[in-house]
Amino acid sequence: MSLVALTALGVQKTEQWFENQVALVTGGCFGIGRATALAFAARGASVVVASRRQADSAETVRLIEAAGGAATFVQTDVRHATQVEALVAATIANYGRLDYAFNNAGIEGSMLVPSLVTAKAFALHR
């Protein structure tokens, strides 16, 4: 990635901590998710941007690619386990691995301890 392109995006290039690694960012379409996707890319990761919003996510991918990085978009609604499973499968099919997952997307509602929630209980809280 060129330093000029990264600077234009407001991201400073640092050590390539994530070179040859793959990061998946849910909710990568704007805000914290986009900033995280750009930061992973600036540090050498290939990035999978996942969200429900195709146009906004395409812009995140465009920004990464314009700076010389590698990124793909997989439309995903994290409320549906089958879509999350398909997202992980698509990531591995495309890049051969998954090293990091930044789970930024979410839904509002009751606070639950994720490790203690079954899929059925999760569905009740949507």
N, C-alpha and C. Protein backbone atom coordinates (compact mmCIF):
# COMPACT_ATOMS: atom_id res chain seq x y z
N MET A 1 0.84 -1.17 0.00
CA MET A 1 0.00 0.00 0.00
C MET A 1 0.88 1.23 0.00
N SER A 2 0.53 2.21 -0.77
CA SER A 2 1.36 3.42 -0.79
C SER A 2 1.06 4.28 0.43
N LEU A 3 2.10 4.89 0.96
CA LEU A 3 1.95 5.76 2.12
C LEU A 3 1.06 6.95 1.79
N VAL A 4 1.17 7.45 0.56
CA VAL A 4 0.34 8.58 0.13
C VAL A 4 -1.14 8.21 0.18
N ALA A 5 -1.47 7.03 -0.34
CA ALA A 5 -2.87 6.60 -0.35
C ALA A 5 -3.39 6.39 1.07
N LEU A 6 -2.57 5.79 1.91
CA LEU A 6 -3.00 5.57 3.30
C LEU A 6 -3.21 6.89 4.02
N THR A 7 -2.30 7.83 3.82
CA THR A 7 -2.42 9.14 4.46
C THR A 7 -3.70 9.83 4.01
N ALA A 8 -4.03 9.70 2.72
CA ALA A 8 -5.26 10.31 2.20
C ALA A 8 -6.50 9.71 2.88
N LEU A 9 -6.39 8.45 3.31
CA LEU A 9 -7.50 7.79 4.00
C LEU A 9 -7.48 8.10 5.49
N GLY A 10 -6.46 8.81 5.94
CA GLY A 10 -6.37 9.12 7.36
C GLY A 10 -5.75 7.99 8.17
N VAL A 11 -5.14 7.02 7.50
CA VAL A 11 -4.51 5.89 8.17
C VAL A 11 -3.01 5.97 7.93
N GLN A 12 -2.25 5.91 8.98
CA GLN A 12 -0.81 5.91 8.84
C GLN A 12 -0.31 4.48 8.72
N LYS A 13 0.57 4.27 7.74
CA LYS A 13 1.14 2.94 7.57
C LYS A 13 2.14 2.68 8.67
N THR A 14 2.02 1.52 9.27
CA THR A 14 2.93 1.13 10.33
C THR A 14 3.54 -0.21 9.97
N GLU A 15 4.13 -0.86 10.91
CA GLU A 15 4.69 -2.18 10.65
C GLU A 15 3.60 -3.10 10.10
N GLN A 16 4.01 -4.01 9.25
CA GLN A 16 3.07 -4.93 8.61
C GLN A 16 2.76 -6.12 9.53
N TRP A 17 2.15 -5.82 10.66
CA TRP A 17 1.84 -6.83 11.67
C TRP A 17 1.00 -7.98 11.12
N PHE A 18 0.15 -7.70 10.15
CA PHE A 18 -0.82 -8.68 9.69
C PHE A 18 -0.55 -9.14 8.26
N GLU A 19 0.66 -8.96 7.78
CA GLU A 19 1.01 -9.36 6.42
C GLU A 19 0.75 -10.85 6.22
N ASN A 20 0.16 -11.19 5.07
CA ASN A 20 -0.18 -12.57 4.72
C ASN A 20 -1.21 -13.19 5.66
N GLN A 21 -2.01 -12.35 6.31
CA GLN A 21 -3.05 -12.84 7.18
C GLN A 21 -4.39 -12.25 6.73
N VAL A 22 -5.47 -12.84 7.22
CA VAL A 22 -6.81 -12.45 6.79
C VAL A 22 -7.64 -12.01 8.00
N ALA A 23 -8.25 -10.85 7.86
CA ALA A 23 -9.12 -10.31 8.92
C ALA A 23 -10.53 -10.17 8.38
N LEU A 24 -11.49 -10.62 9.16
CA LEU A 24 -12.91 -10.49 8.83
C LEU A 24 -13.48 -9.41 9.75
N VAL A 25 -14.17 -8.44 9.16
CA VAL A 25 -14.75 -7.35 9.95
C VAL A 25 -16.25 -7.30 9.68
N THR A 26 -17.06 -7.66 10.69
CA THR A 26 -18.50 -7.52 10.53
C THR A 26 -18.87 -6.06 10.80
N GLY A 27 -19.88 -5.58 10.13
CA GLY A 27 -20.26 -4.18 10.28
C GLY A 27 -19.20 -3.26 9.71
N GLY A 28 -18.49 -3.73 8.68
CA GLY A 28 -17.39 -2.97 8.09
C GLY A 28 -17.81 -1.92 7.09
N CYS A 29 -19.08 -1.58 7.08
CA CYS A 29 -19.61 -0.67 6.06
C CYS A 29 -19.37 0.81 6.37
N PHE A 30 -19.23 1.16 7.64
CA PHE A 30 -18.94 2.55 8.00
C PHE A 30 -18.54 2.62 9.47
N GLY A 31 -18.19 3.80 9.93
CA GLY A 31 -17.88 4.01 11.34
C GLY A 31 -16.71 3.18 11.84
N ILE A 32 -16.89 2.62 13.03
CA ILE A 32 -15.82 1.84 13.67
C ILE A 32 -15.43 0.64 12.80
N GLY A 33 -16.41 0.00 12.18
CA GLY A 33 -16.12 -1.15 11.32
C GLY A 33 -15.25 -0.78 10.14
N ARG A 34 -15.58 0.32 9.46
CA ARG A 34 -14.77 0.76 8.32
C ARG A 34 -13.37 1.14 8.80
N ALA A 35 -13.28 1.88 9.89
CA ALA A 35 -11.97 2.28 10.41
C ALA A 35 -11.11 1.06 10.75
N THR A 36 -11.74 0.04 11.31
CA THR A 36 -11.01 -1.18 11.65
C THR A 36 -10.56 -1.91 10.40
N ALA A 37 -11.43 -2.01 9.41
CA ALA A 37 -11.06 -2.65 8.15
C ALA A 37 -9.87 -1.93 7.50
N LEU A 38 -9.90 -0.60 7.49
CA LEU A 38 -8.80 0.18 6.93
C LEU A 38 -7.51 -0.03 7.73
N ALA A 39 -7.64 -0.10 9.05
CA ALA A 39 -6.46 -0.28 9.89
C ALA A 39 -5.83 -1.66 9.67
N PHE A 40 -6.66 -2.70 9.58
CA PHE A 40 -6.13 -4.04 9.27
C PHE A 40 -5.41 -4.01 7.93
N ALA A 41 -6.03 -3.41 6.92
CA ALA A 41 -5.43 -3.36 5.59
C ALA A 41 -4.12 -2.57 5.60
N ALA A 42 -4.09 -1.47 6.33
CA ALA A 42 -2.89 -0.65 6.41
C ALA A 42 -1.72 -1.41 7.01
N ARG A 43 -2.04 -2.42 7.78
CA ARG A 43 -1.00 -3.21 8.44
C ARG A 43 -0.78 -4.55 7.75
N GLY A 44 -1.28 -4.66 6.51
CA GLY A 44 -0.94 -5.79 5.66
C GLY A 44 -1.96 -6.90 5.52
N ALA A 45 -3.05 -6.86 6.24
CA ALA A 45 -4.04 -7.94 6.16
C ALA A 45 -4.90 -7.82 4.91
N SER A 46 -5.31 -8.96 4.39
CA SER A 46 -6.41 -9.00 3.43
C SER A 46 -7.67 -8.93 4.29
N VAL A 47 -8.66 -8.17 3.84
CA VAL A 47 -9.82 -7.90 4.68
C VAL A 47 -11.11 -8.38 4.01
N VAL A 48 -11.92 -9.07 4.79
CA VAL A 48 -13.27 -9.43 4.36
C VAL A 48 -14.22 -8.50 5.10
N VAL A 49 -14.95 -7.71 4.33
CA VAL A 49 -15.92 -6.76 4.88
C VAL A 49 -17.28 -7.44 4.83
N ALA A 50 -17.93 -7.56 5.97
CA ALA A 50 -19.23 -8.21 6.04
C ALA A 50 -20.25 -7.26 6.65
N SER A 51 -21.37 -7.11 5.97
CA SER A 51 -22.48 -6.32 6.50
C SER A 51 -23.70 -6.57 5.64
N ARG A 52 -24.80 -5.93 6.03
CA ARG A 52 -26.03 -6.02 5.23
C ARG A 52 -26.04 -4.97 4.13
N ARG A 53 -25.24 -3.93 4.28
CA ARG A 53 -25.28 -2.75 3.40
C ARG A 53 -24.26 -2.86 2.27
N GLN A 54 -24.73 -3.22 1.10
CA GLN A 54 -23.84 -3.48 -0.03
C GLN A 54 -23.11 -2.23 -0.50
N ALA A 55 -23.81 -1.13 -0.71
CA ALA A 55 -23.17 0.07 -1.26
C ALA A 55 -22.11 0.63 -0.31
N ASP A 56 -22.44 0.72 0.97
CA ASP A 56 -21.48 1.24 1.95
C ASP A 56 -20.28 0.31 2.08
N SER A 57 -20.51 -0.98 2.05
CA SER A 57 -19.43 -1.95 2.15
C SER A 57 -18.54 -1.91 0.90
N ALA A 58 -19.16 -1.72 -0.25
CA ALA A 58 -18.39 -1.60 -1.49
C ALA A 58 -17.45 -0.40 -1.41
N GLU A 59 -17.88 0.66 -0.75
CA GLU A 59 -17.01 1.83 -0.57
C GLU A 59 -15.82 1.49 0.33
N THR A 60 -16.04 0.72 1.37
CA THR A 60 -14.93 0.29 2.22
C THR A 60 -13.93 -0.53 1.42
N VAL A 61 -14.42 -1.46 0.63
CA VAL A 61 -13.55 -2.28 -0.22
C VAL A 61 -12.81 -1.39 -1.21
N ARG A 62 -13.50 -0.43 -1.81
CA ARG A 62 -12.86 0.48 -2.77
C ARG A 62 -11.73 1.26 -2.12
N LEU A 63 -11.96 1.76 -0.91
CA LEU A 63 -10.93 2.52 -0.20
C LEU A 63 -9.70 1.67 0.07
N ILE A 64 -9.92 0.43 0.48
CA ILE A 64 -8.80 -0.47 0.74
C ILE A 64 -8.04 -0.77 -0.55
N GLU A 65 -8.77 -1.08 -1.60
CA GLU A 65 -8.12 -1.41 -2.87
C GLU A 65 -7.41 -0.19 -3.47
N ALA A 66 -7.99 0.99 -3.31
CA ALA A 66 -7.35 2.21 -3.82
C ALA A 66 -6.02 2.48 -3.14
N ALA A 67 -5.89 2.00 -1.91
CA ALA A 67 -4.65 2.16 -1.17
C ALA A 67 -3.69 0.99 -1.42
N GLY A 68 -4.08 0.08 -2.30
CA GLY A 68 -3.21 -1.03 -2.65
C GLY A 68 -3.44 -2.30 -1.86
N GLY A 69 -4.49 -2.33 -1.06
CA GLY A 69 -4.79 -3.51 -0.25
C GLY A 69 -5.73 -4.47 -0.95
N ALA A 70 -5.96 -5.60 -0.30
CA ALA A 70 -6.87 -6.62 -0.82
C ALA A 70 -8.08 -6.71 0.10
N ALA A 71 -9.26 -6.67 -0.50
CA ALA A 71 -10.49 -6.75 0.28
C ALA A 71 -11.61 -7.33 -0.56
N THR A 72 -12.54 -7.98 0.12
CA THR A 72 -13.75 -8.47 -0.52
C THR A 72 -14.93 -8.18 0.39
N PHE A 73 -16.10 -8.18 -0.21
CA PHE A 73 -17.34 -7.96 0.53
C PHE A 73 -18.18 -9.22 0.47
N VAL A 74 -18.74 -9.60 1.61
CA VAL A 74 -19.69 -10.71 1.68
C VAL A 74 -20.91 -10.18 2.42
N GLN A 75 -22.03 -10.10 1.71
CA GLN A 75 -23.25 -9.60 2.34
C GLN A 75 -23.71 -10.60 3.39
N THR A 76 -23.85 -10.11 4.63
CA THR A 76 -24.14 -10.98 5.76
C THR A 76 -25.01 -10.27 6.78
N ASP A 77 -26.01 -10.98 7.26
CA ASP A 77 -26.82 -10.51 8.37
C ASP A 77 -26.46 -11.39 9.55
N VAL A 78 -25.74 -10.84 10.53
CA VAL A 78 -25.23 -11.65 11.64
C VAL A 78 -26.32 -12.19 12.55
N ARG A 79 -27.56 -11.77 12.34
CA ARG A 79 -28.67 -12.32 13.12
C ARG A 79 -29.01 -13.73 12.70
N HIS A 80 -28.45 -14.18 11.58
CA HIS A 80 -28.77 -15.50 11.04
C HIS A 80 -27.50 -16.37 11.02
N ALA A 81 -27.50 -17.39 11.85
CA ALA A 81 -26.33 -18.26 11.99
C ALA A 81 -25.88 -18.85 10.65
N THR A 82 -26.83 -19.19 9.80
CA THR A 82 -26.45 -19.79 8.51
C THR A 82 -25.67 -18.79 7.65
N GLN A 83 -26.01 -17.51 7.74
CA GLN A 83 -25.27 -16.50 6.98
C GLN A 83 -23.87 -16.30 7.54
N VAL A 84 -23.73 -16.38 8.86
CA VAL A 84 -22.41 -16.26 9.47
C VAL A 84 -21.55 -17.47 9.08
N GLU A 85 -22.14 -18.65 9.09
CA GLU A 85 -21.41 -19.84 8.65
C GLU A 85 -20.97 -19.70 7.20
N ALA A 86 -21.85 -19.19 6.35
CA ALA A 86 -21.52 -18.98 4.93
C ALA A 86 -20.42 -17.93 4.78
N LEU A 87 -20.43 -16.91 5.63
CA LEU A 87 -19.39 -15.87 5.61
C LEU A 87 -18.03 -16.47 5.90
N VAL A 88 -17.93 -17.26 6.94
CA VAL A 88 -16.66 -17.89 7.29
C VAL A 88 -16.21 -18.82 6.17
N ALA A 89 -17.14 -19.60 5.63
CA ALA A 89 -16.81 -20.51 4.53
C ALA A 89 -16.32 -19.73 3.30
N ALA A 90 -16.96 -18.61 2.99
CA ALA A 90 -16.55 -17.80 1.84
C ALA A 90 -15.17 -17.20 2.07
N THR A 91 -14.90 -16.79 3.29
CA THR A 91 -13.58 -16.24 3.63
C THR A 91 -12.50 -17.27 3.40
N ILE A 92 -12.72 -18.47 3.90
CA ILE A 92 -11.72 -19.53 3.76
C ILE A 92 -11.60 -19.97 2.31
N ALA A 93 -12.72 -20.02 1.58
CA ALA A 93 -12.67 -20.38 0.16
C ALA A 93 -11.88 -19.35 -0.64
N ASN A 94 -12.04 -18.08 -0.29
CA ASN A 94 -11.38 -17.01 -1.05
C ASN A 94 -9.91 -16.83 -0.68
N TYR A 95 -9.61 -16.92 0.61
CA TYR A 95 -8.25 -16.63 1.07
C TYR A 95 -7.50 -17.83 1.65
N GLY A 96 -8.21 -18.94 1.86
CA GLY A 96 -7.56 -20.13 2.38
C GLY A 96 -7.35 -20.15 3.88
N ARG A 97 -7.80 -19.11 4.55
CA ARG A 97 -7.59 -19.03 6.00
C ARG A 97 -8.42 -17.90 6.59
N LEU A 98 -8.51 -17.88 7.91
CA LEU A 98 -9.10 -16.78 8.66
C LEU A 98 -8.29 -16.64 9.94
N ASP A 99 -7.63 -15.48 10.10
CA ASP A 99 -6.77 -15.27 11.25
C ASP A 99 -7.40 -14.42 12.33
N TYR A 100 -8.21 -13.44 11.95
CA TYR A 100 -8.80 -12.51 12.91
C TYR A 100 -10.26 -12.24 12.55
N ALA A 101 -11.09 -12.11 13.56
CA ALA A 101 -12.49 -11.71 13.36
C ALA A 101 -12.78 -10.55 14.30
N PHE A 102 -13.12 -9.42 13.72
CA PHE A 102 -13.52 -8.24 14.49
C PHE A 102 -15.04 -8.17 14.40
N ASN A 103 -15.70 -8.57 15.45
CA ASN A 103 -17.16 -8.70 15.45
C ASN A 103 -17.81 -7.39 15.88
N ASN A 104 -17.95 -6.50 14.92
CA ASN A 104 -18.45 -5.16 15.16
C ASN A 104 -19.95 -5.04 14.99
N ALA A 105 -20.53 -5.87 14.13
CA ALA A 105 -21.97 -5.80 13.88
C ALA A 105 -22.71 -6.39 15.06
N GLY A 106 -23.87 -5.87 15.30
CA GLY A 106 -24.66 -6.42 16.40
C GLY A 106 -26.07 -5.90 16.36
N ILE A 107 -26.82 -6.30 17.35
CA ILE A 107 -28.20 -5.85 17.45
C ILE A 107 -28.42 -5.33 18.86
N GLU A 108 -29.39 -4.47 19.00
CA GLU A 108 -29.73 -3.95 20.32
C GLU A 108 -30.71 -4.90 20.99
N GLY A 109 -30.73 -4.84 22.28
CA GLY A 109 -31.65 -5.68 23.02
C GLY A 109 -31.09 -6.02 24.38
N SER A 110 -31.62 -7.06 24.97
CA SER A 110 -31.18 -7.49 26.29
C SER A 110 -29.71 -7.87 26.26
N MET A 111 -29.04 -7.60 27.34
CA MET A 111 -27.64 -7.99 27.47
C MET A 111 -27.59 -9.47 27.81
N LEU A 112 -26.87 -10.23 27.01
CA LEU A 112 -26.73 -11.66 27.23
C LEU A 112 -25.25 -12.02 27.22
N VAL A 113 -24.87 -13.02 27.95
CA VAL A 113 -23.50 -13.51 27.92
C VAL A 113 -23.39 -14.45 26.72
N PRO A 114 -22.64 -14.04 25.67
CA PRO A 114 -22.62 -14.81 24.42
C PRO A 114 -22.30 -16.29 24.58
N SER A 115 -21.37 -16.62 25.45
CA SER A 115 -20.98 -18.02 25.58
C SER A 115 -22.06 -18.89 26.22
N LEU A 116 -23.06 -18.24 26.81
CA LEU A 116 -24.12 -18.99 27.48
C LEU A 116 -25.44 -19.00 26.71
N VAL A 117 -25.45 -18.41 25.53
CA VAL A 117 -26.69 -18.25 24.78
C VAL A 117 -26.79 -19.30 23.67
N THR A 118 -27.89 -20.01 23.64
CA THR A 118 -28.14 -20.95 22.56
C THR A 118 -28.73 -20.18 21.38
N ALA A 119 -28.72 -20.78 20.22
CA ALA A 119 -29.31 -20.14 19.05
C ALA A 119 -30.79 -19.86 19.27
N LYS A 120 -31.49 -20.77 19.95
CA LYS A 120 -32.92 -20.58 20.22
C LYS A 120 -33.15 -19.39 21.13
N ALA A 121 -32.33 -19.27 22.18
CA ALA A 121 -32.47 -18.12 23.11
C ALA A 121 -32.13 -16.83 22.40
N PHE A 122 -31.12 -16.86 21.53
CA PHE A 122 -30.75 -15.66 20.78
C PHE A 122 -31.90 -15.20 19.91
N ALA A 123 -32.57 -16.14 19.27
CA ALA A 123 -33.69 -15.80 18.38
C ALA A 123 -34.81 -15.12 19.15
N LEU A 124 -34.99 -15.48 20.40
CA LEU A 124 -36.05 -14.87 21.21
C LEU A 124 -35.74 -13.41 21.56
N HIS A 125 -34.49 -13.04 21.54
CA HIS A 125 -34.08 -11.70 21.94
C HIS A 125 -33.89 -10.75 20.76
N ARG A 126 -34.20 -11.19 19.56
CA ARG A 126 -34.02 -10.32 18.39
C ARG A 126 -35.13 -9.34 18.29
